């Protein structure tokens, strides 16, 4: 069984990305941080590696997707309440993010999302029950 998840994202400027995610309340593991990368701690076993593009390229044989013009993935985070969804989205917007679409309320599920400074899409959700 999987015990941890590490999402790897390319970023243009590491210091700018760290400042943005710090404004949202995330912390970083100094053991996995240098001029090319940092490890953002999202949860107990959930981490996002922010890698400057040249370093990110060293792991792949394809082109790096420009997340401002194309979307390869959406990282979705489940939160404990609607208020937490709104609070985190508000922090993201205050730090320079863009909200690409309005909030969605499906009764059992509440969704909001943002596009970070490098164009990566993050979805924030709260599930309050089962779909009918």
N, C-alpha and C. Protein backbone atom coordinates (compact mmCIF):
# COMPACT_ATOMS: atom_id res chain seq x y z
N UNK A 1 0.84 -1.18 0.00
CA UNK A 1 0.00 0.00 0.00
C UNK A 1 0.88 1.25 0.00
N UNK A 2 0.44 2.27 -0.64
CA UNK A 2 1.18 3.54 -0.72
C UNK A 2 1.18 4.21 0.66
N UNK A 3 2.34 4.72 1.06
CA UNK A 3 2.44 5.36 2.37
C UNK A 3 2.63 6.87 2.30
N UNK A 4 3.03 7.39 1.13
CA UNK A 4 3.23 8.82 0.96
C UNK A 4 2.96 9.17 -0.50
N UNK A 5 2.71 10.45 -0.75
CA UNK A 5 2.60 10.93 -2.13
C UNK A 5 3.49 12.16 -2.27
N UNK A 6 4.23 12.19 -3.37
CA UNK A 6 5.06 13.33 -3.74
C UNK A 6 4.62 13.78 -5.13
N UNK A 7 4.03 14.95 -5.22
CA UNK A 7 3.67 15.55 -6.50
C UNK A 7 4.84 16.43 -6.90
N UNK A 8 5.30 16.33 -8.14
CA UNK A 8 6.42 17.14 -8.63
C UNK A 8 5.90 18.16 -9.62
N UNK A 9 6.19 19.43 -9.36
CA UNK A 9 5.72 20.51 -10.23
C UNK A 9 6.89 21.39 -10.67
N UNK A 10 6.95 21.71 -11.96
CA UNK A 10 7.98 22.66 -12.41
C UNK A 10 7.56 24.09 -12.08
N UNK A 11 8.53 24.90 -11.68
CA UNK A 11 8.28 26.31 -11.41
C UNK A 11 9.34 27.15 -12.11
N UNK A 12 8.97 28.36 -12.47
CA UNK A 12 9.91 29.26 -13.14
C UNK A 12 10.92 29.84 -12.14
N UNK A 13 10.42 30.32 -10.99
CA UNK A 13 11.28 30.95 -9.98
C UNK A 13 10.95 30.32 -8.62
N UNK A 14 11.89 29.61 -8.06
CA UNK A 14 11.65 28.89 -6.82
C UNK A 14 11.31 29.83 -5.67
N UNK A 15 12.05 30.92 -5.54
CA UNK A 15 11.79 31.84 -4.43
C UNK A 15 10.39 32.45 -4.52
N UNK A 16 9.95 32.74 -5.71
CA UNK A 16 8.60 33.29 -5.92
C UNK A 16 7.54 32.25 -5.55
N UNK A 17 7.74 31.00 -5.94
CA UNK A 17 6.80 29.93 -5.61
C UNK A 17 6.76 29.68 -4.10
N UNK A 18 7.92 29.69 -3.46
CA UNK A 18 7.98 29.49 -2.00
C UNK A 18 7.25 30.63 -1.28
N UNK A 19 7.45 31.85 -1.72
CA UNK A 19 6.76 32.99 -1.11
C UNK A 19 5.25 32.85 -1.26
N UNK A 20 4.80 32.44 -2.45
CA UNK A 20 3.37 32.27 -2.71
C UNK A 20 2.79 31.21 -1.77
N UNK A 21 3.38 30.02 -1.74
CA UNK A 21 2.82 28.93 -0.93
C UNK A 21 3.01 29.18 0.57
N UNK A 22 4.03 29.93 0.95
CA UNK A 22 4.18 30.32 2.35
C UNK A 22 3.02 31.21 2.78
N UNK A 23 2.59 32.09 1.88
CA UNK A 23 1.45 32.97 2.18
C UNK A 23 0.17 32.17 2.40
N UNK A 24 0.12 30.96 1.86
CA UNK A 24 -1.05 30.10 2.06
C UNK A 24 -0.92 29.27 3.34
N UNK A 25 0.23 29.35 3.99
CA UNK A 25 0.42 28.66 5.26
C UNK A 25 1.22 27.37 5.18
N UNK A 26 1.74 27.02 4.00
CA UNK A 26 2.52 25.80 3.86
C UNK A 26 3.94 26.02 4.38
N UNK A 27 4.55 24.92 4.83
CA UNK A 27 5.94 24.96 5.27
C UNK A 27 6.76 24.05 4.36
N UNK A 28 8.09 24.13 4.50
CA UNK A 28 8.99 23.44 3.60
C UNK A 28 10.03 22.67 4.40
N UNK A 29 10.40 21.50 3.91
CA UNK A 29 11.38 20.66 4.58
C UNK A 29 12.78 21.08 4.14
N UNK A 30 13.56 21.65 5.05
CA UNK A 30 14.90 22.13 4.66
C UNK A 30 15.83 21.00 4.21
N UNK A 31 15.56 19.75 4.62
CA UNK A 31 16.41 18.63 4.19
C UNK A 31 16.32 18.40 2.69
N UNK A 32 15.20 18.80 2.10
CA UNK A 32 14.98 18.59 0.67
C UNK A 32 14.85 19.91 -0.07
N UNK A 33 15.64 20.88 0.35
CA UNK A 33 15.58 22.22 -0.24
C UNK A 33 16.98 22.68 -0.62
N UNK A 34 17.09 23.17 -1.85
CA UNK A 34 18.33 23.81 -2.31
C UNK A 34 17.94 24.84 -3.36
N UNK A 35 18.87 25.28 -4.18
CA UNK A 35 18.57 26.30 -5.19
C UNK A 35 17.69 25.78 -6.32
N UNK A 36 17.58 24.45 -6.45
CA UNK A 36 16.83 23.86 -7.56
C UNK A 36 15.48 23.29 -7.16
N UNK A 37 15.27 23.07 -5.86
CA UNK A 37 14.04 22.39 -5.45
C UNK A 37 13.74 22.64 -3.98
N UNK A 38 12.48 22.42 -3.65
CA UNK A 38 12.08 22.41 -2.25
C UNK A 38 10.93 21.43 -2.09
N UNK A 39 10.77 20.96 -0.88
CA UNK A 39 9.71 20.01 -0.55
C UNK A 39 8.67 20.72 0.30
N UNK A 40 7.51 20.98 -0.29
CA UNK A 40 6.41 21.64 0.42
C UNK A 40 5.60 20.58 1.16
N UNK A 41 5.37 20.81 2.43
CA UNK A 41 4.62 19.87 3.26
C UNK A 41 3.15 20.27 3.20
N UNK A 42 2.33 19.38 2.62
CA UNK A 42 0.91 19.64 2.46
C UNK A 42 0.11 18.95 3.56
N UNK A 43 0.54 17.77 3.97
CA UNK A 43 -0.12 16.99 5.01
C UNK A 43 0.86 16.01 5.60
N UNK A 44 0.37 15.15 6.50
CA UNK A 44 1.25 14.20 7.17
C UNK A 44 2.08 13.37 6.20
N UNK A 45 1.51 12.93 5.11
CA UNK A 45 2.21 12.11 4.14
C UNK A 45 2.01 12.62 2.71
N UNK A 46 1.78 13.92 2.60
CA UNK A 46 1.52 14.53 1.30
C UNK A 46 2.51 15.67 1.10
N UNK A 47 3.27 15.58 0.00
CA UNK A 47 4.33 16.54 -0.27
C UNK A 47 4.28 16.99 -1.73
N UNK A 48 4.66 18.23 -1.96
CA UNK A 48 4.79 18.74 -3.33
C UNK A 48 6.22 19.22 -3.51
N UNK A 49 6.90 18.60 -4.46
CA UNK A 49 8.26 19.02 -4.80
C UNK A 49 8.14 20.12 -5.86
N UNK A 50 8.59 21.30 -5.50
CA UNK A 50 8.63 22.42 -6.44
C UNK A 50 10.04 22.43 -7.02
N UNK A 51 10.14 22.17 -8.32
CA UNK A 51 11.43 22.02 -8.99
C UNK A 51 11.58 23.09 -10.06
N UNK A 52 12.69 23.82 -10.04
CA UNK A 52 12.91 24.79 -11.11
C UNK A 52 12.94 24.02 -12.43
N UNK A 53 12.47 24.65 -13.49
CA UNK A 53 12.28 23.94 -14.76
C UNK A 53 13.52 23.18 -15.26
N UNK A 54 14.73 23.76 -15.24
CA UNK A 54 15.87 22.97 -15.73
C UNK A 54 16.08 21.68 -14.93
N UNK A 55 15.86 21.74 -13.62
CA UNK A 55 16.00 20.54 -12.79
C UNK A 55 14.87 19.56 -13.08
N UNK A 56 13.65 20.06 -13.22
CA UNK A 56 12.50 19.22 -13.57
C UNK A 56 12.77 18.47 -14.87
N UNK A 57 13.34 19.18 -15.85
CA UNK A 57 13.64 18.57 -17.16
C UNK A 57 14.61 17.40 -17.06
N UNK A 58 15.46 17.41 -16.03
CA UNK A 58 16.44 16.33 -15.89
C UNK A 58 15.78 14.99 -15.55
N UNK A 59 14.50 14.99 -15.21
CA UNK A 59 13.79 13.76 -14.87
C UNK A 59 12.93 13.23 -16.02
N UNK A 60 12.84 13.98 -17.11
CA UNK A 60 11.92 13.61 -18.19
C UNK A 60 12.59 13.66 -19.55
N UNK A 61 11.96 13.00 -20.52
CA UNK A 61 12.46 13.02 -21.90
C UNK A 61 11.52 13.79 -22.82
N UNK A 62 10.51 14.43 -22.26
CA UNK A 62 9.54 15.19 -23.04
C UNK A 62 9.65 16.67 -22.68
N UNK A 63 8.89 17.47 -23.38
CA UNK A 63 8.85 18.90 -23.07
C UNK A 63 8.09 19.13 -21.76
N UNK A 64 8.43 20.19 -21.09
CA UNK A 64 7.70 20.61 -19.90
C UNK A 64 6.45 21.35 -20.36
N UNK A 65 5.33 20.97 -19.83
CA UNK A 65 4.06 21.61 -20.15
C UNK A 65 4.05 23.03 -19.59
N UNK A 66 3.64 23.99 -20.38
CA UNK A 66 3.45 25.35 -19.88
C UNK A 66 2.06 25.39 -19.28
N UNK A 67 1.98 25.36 -17.97
CA UNK A 67 0.70 25.27 -17.28
C UNK A 67 -0.17 26.52 -17.46
N UNK A 68 0.40 27.59 -18.02
CA UNK A 68 -0.42 28.77 -18.29
C UNK A 68 -1.21 28.65 -19.58
N UNK A 69 -0.80 27.71 -20.45
CA UNK A 69 -1.49 27.55 -21.73
C UNK A 69 -2.10 26.17 -21.92
N UNK A 70 -1.69 25.20 -21.11
CA UNK A 70 -2.20 23.83 -21.20
C UNK A 70 -2.27 23.24 -19.79
N UNK A 71 -3.16 22.28 -19.60
CA UNK A 71 -3.30 21.66 -18.29
C UNK A 71 -3.01 20.18 -18.40
N UNK A 72 -2.07 19.72 -17.60
CA UNK A 72 -1.76 18.30 -17.57
C UNK A 72 -2.44 17.62 -16.39
N UNK A 73 -2.63 18.34 -15.31
CA UNK A 73 -3.27 17.75 -14.13
C UNK A 73 -3.90 18.85 -13.27
N UNK A 74 -4.77 18.41 -12.38
CA UNK A 74 -5.35 19.28 -11.35
C UNK A 74 -5.06 18.60 -10.03
N UNK A 75 -4.40 19.31 -9.12
CA UNK A 75 -4.14 18.77 -7.80
C UNK A 75 -5.30 19.16 -6.90
N UNK A 76 -6.01 18.16 -6.38
CA UNK A 76 -7.19 18.40 -5.56
C UNK A 76 -6.88 18.09 -4.11
N UNK A 77 -7.19 19.02 -3.23
CA UNK A 77 -6.98 18.85 -1.80
C UNK A 77 -8.33 18.85 -1.10
N UNK A 78 -8.58 17.84 -0.27
CA UNK A 78 -9.81 17.76 0.51
C UNK A 78 -9.59 18.45 1.85
N UNK A 79 -10.51 19.34 2.20
CA UNK A 79 -10.42 20.07 3.46
C UNK A 79 -11.61 19.70 4.35
N UNK A 80 -11.50 20.04 5.63
CA UNK A 80 -12.49 19.60 6.62
C UNK A 80 -13.78 20.40 6.62
N UNK A 81 -13.81 21.56 5.98
CA UNK A 81 -15.04 22.37 6.00
C UNK A 81 -15.06 23.32 4.81
N UNK A 82 -16.25 23.82 4.52
CA UNK A 82 -16.40 24.85 3.49
C UNK A 82 -15.62 26.10 3.87
N UNK A 83 -15.65 26.43 5.17
CA UNK A 83 -14.93 27.62 5.64
C UNK A 83 -13.44 27.50 5.37
N UNK A 84 -12.88 26.28 5.53
CA UNK A 84 -11.46 26.08 5.24
C UNK A 84 -11.19 26.23 3.75
N UNK A 85 -12.10 25.74 2.91
CA UNK A 85 -11.96 25.91 1.46
C UNK A 85 -11.90 27.39 1.13
N UNK A 86 -12.88 28.14 1.64
CA UNK A 86 -12.94 29.58 1.35
C UNK A 86 -11.72 30.32 1.89
N UNK A 87 -11.29 29.97 3.11
CA UNK A 87 -10.15 30.66 3.72
C UNK A 87 -8.86 30.42 2.92
N UNK A 88 -8.64 29.19 2.50
CA UNK A 88 -7.42 28.90 1.74
C UNK A 88 -7.47 29.55 0.36
N UNK A 89 -8.64 29.53 -0.26
CA UNK A 89 -8.78 30.19 -1.57
C UNK A 89 -8.55 31.69 -1.43
N UNK A 90 -9.07 32.29 -0.37
CA UNK A 90 -8.85 33.72 -0.15
C UNK A 90 -7.37 34.04 0.03
N UNK A 91 -6.64 33.18 0.74
CA UNK A 91 -5.20 33.38 0.90
C UNK A 91 -4.49 33.29 -0.45
N UNK A 92 -4.89 32.32 -1.25
CA UNK A 92 -4.28 32.14 -2.57
C UNK A 92 -4.50 33.38 -3.43
N UNK A 93 -5.73 33.89 -3.43
CA UNK A 93 -6.03 35.08 -4.23
C UNK A 93 -5.24 36.29 -3.74
N UNK A 94 -5.14 36.44 -2.42
CA UNK A 94 -4.38 37.56 -1.86
C UNK A 94 -2.90 37.47 -2.21
N UNK A 95 -2.40 36.24 -2.41
CA UNK A 95 -0.99 36.04 -2.74
C UNK A 95 -0.72 36.11 -4.24
N UNK A 96 -1.76 36.35 -5.05
CA UNK A 96 -1.57 36.53 -6.49
C UNK A 96 -2.16 35.46 -7.38
N UNK A 97 -2.85 34.48 -6.80
CA UNK A 97 -3.48 33.43 -7.62
C UNK A 97 -4.67 33.99 -8.37
N UNK A 98 -5.16 33.19 -9.29
CA UNK A 98 -6.35 33.53 -10.08
C UNK A 98 -7.38 32.43 -9.87
N UNK A 99 -8.63 32.81 -9.68
CA UNK A 99 -9.72 31.83 -9.57
C UNK A 99 -10.34 31.66 -10.96
N UNK A 100 -10.08 30.51 -11.62
CA UNK A 100 -10.51 30.36 -13.01
C UNK A 100 -12.01 30.15 -13.21
N UNK A 101 -12.73 29.69 -12.18
CA UNK A 101 -14.18 29.54 -12.31
C UNK A 101 -14.83 29.74 -10.95
N UNK A 102 -16.12 30.02 -10.96
CA UNK A 102 -16.80 30.28 -9.70
C UNK A 102 -16.92 29.01 -8.84
N UNK A 103 -17.19 29.21 -7.57
CA UNK A 103 -17.40 28.10 -6.64
C UNK A 103 -18.52 27.20 -7.17
N UNK A 104 -18.41 25.92 -6.87
CA UNK A 104 -19.43 24.95 -7.26
C UNK A 104 -19.96 24.29 -6.00
N UNK A 105 -21.26 24.33 -5.82
CA UNK A 105 -21.90 23.70 -4.66
C UNK A 105 -22.83 22.62 -5.17
N UNK A 106 -22.44 21.37 -4.95
CA UNK A 106 -23.24 20.23 -5.39
C UNK A 106 -24.03 19.62 -4.23
N UNK A 107 -24.20 20.36 -3.16
CA UNK A 107 -24.89 19.85 -1.99
C UNK A 107 -23.97 19.02 -1.11
N UNK A 108 -23.59 17.86 -1.59
CA UNK A 108 -22.70 16.96 -0.83
C UNK A 108 -21.23 17.35 -0.99
N UNK A 109 -20.93 18.20 -2.00
CA UNK A 109 -19.54 18.56 -2.28
C UNK A 109 -19.46 20.04 -2.67
N UNK A 110 -18.52 20.73 -2.05
CA UNK A 110 -18.27 22.14 -2.32
C UNK A 110 -16.87 22.27 -2.90
N UNK A 111 -16.74 22.95 -4.04
CA UNK A 111 -15.46 23.07 -4.75
C UNK A 111 -15.12 24.51 -5.07
N UNK A 112 -13.87 24.84 -4.89
CA UNK A 112 -13.31 26.08 -5.41
C UNK A 112 -11.89 25.77 -5.85
N UNK A 113 -11.35 26.57 -6.73
CA UNK A 113 -10.01 26.30 -7.18
C UNK A 113 -9.25 27.56 -7.53
N UNK A 114 -7.95 27.40 -7.68
CA UNK A 114 -7.11 28.53 -8.08
C UNK A 114 -6.01 28.05 -9.00
N UNK A 115 -5.50 29.01 -9.76
CA UNK A 115 -4.33 28.82 -10.61
C UNK A 115 -3.17 29.53 -9.93
N UNK A 116 -2.11 28.79 -9.61
CA UNK A 116 -0.98 29.41 -8.91
C UNK A 116 -0.17 30.29 -9.86
N UNK A 117 0.92 30.84 -9.37
CA UNK A 117 1.70 31.80 -10.15
C UNK A 117 2.34 31.19 -11.39
N UNK A 118 2.53 29.86 -11.40
CA UNK A 118 3.10 29.18 -12.56
C UNK A 118 2.03 28.56 -13.44
N UNK A 119 0.76 28.76 -13.10
CA UNK A 119 -0.34 28.26 -13.91
C UNK A 119 -0.87 26.90 -13.51
N UNK A 120 -0.31 26.28 -12.47
CA UNK A 120 -0.80 24.97 -12.03
C UNK A 120 -2.17 25.13 -11.38
N UNK A 121 -3.05 24.18 -11.67
CA UNK A 121 -4.40 24.24 -11.12
C UNK A 121 -4.49 23.44 -9.82
N UNK A 122 -5.08 24.07 -8.82
CA UNK A 122 -5.31 23.47 -7.52
C UNK A 122 -6.80 23.54 -7.24
N UNK A 123 -7.39 22.42 -6.90
CA UNK A 123 -8.81 22.38 -6.54
C UNK A 123 -8.92 22.11 -5.05
N UNK A 124 -9.79 22.85 -4.40
CA UNK A 124 -10.04 22.69 -2.97
C UNK A 124 -11.47 22.22 -2.81
N UNK A 125 -11.68 21.15 -2.03
CA UNK A 125 -13.03 20.63 -1.89
C UNK A 125 -13.32 20.24 -0.47
N UNK A 126 -14.61 20.28 -0.16
CA UNK A 126 -15.12 19.74 1.10
C UNK A 126 -16.29 18.82 0.76
N UNK A 127 -16.19 17.58 1.22
CA UNK A 127 -17.25 16.60 1.02
C UNK A 127 -18.04 16.51 2.32
N UNK A 128 -19.34 16.78 2.27
CA UNK A 128 -20.16 16.73 3.47
C UNK A 128 -21.07 15.52 3.51
N UNK A 129 -21.02 14.69 2.49
CA UNK A 129 -21.87 13.52 2.46
C UNK A 129 -21.70 12.74 1.19
N UNK A 130 -22.62 11.88 0.93
CA UNK A 130 -22.61 11.03 -0.27
C UNK A 130 -23.48 11.65 -1.35
N UNK A 131 -23.11 11.48 -2.62
CA UNK A 131 -23.96 11.99 -3.70
C UNK A 131 -25.29 11.26 -3.68
N UNK A 132 -26.33 11.96 -4.07
CA UNK A 132 -27.65 11.33 -4.07
C UNK A 132 -27.96 10.72 -5.41
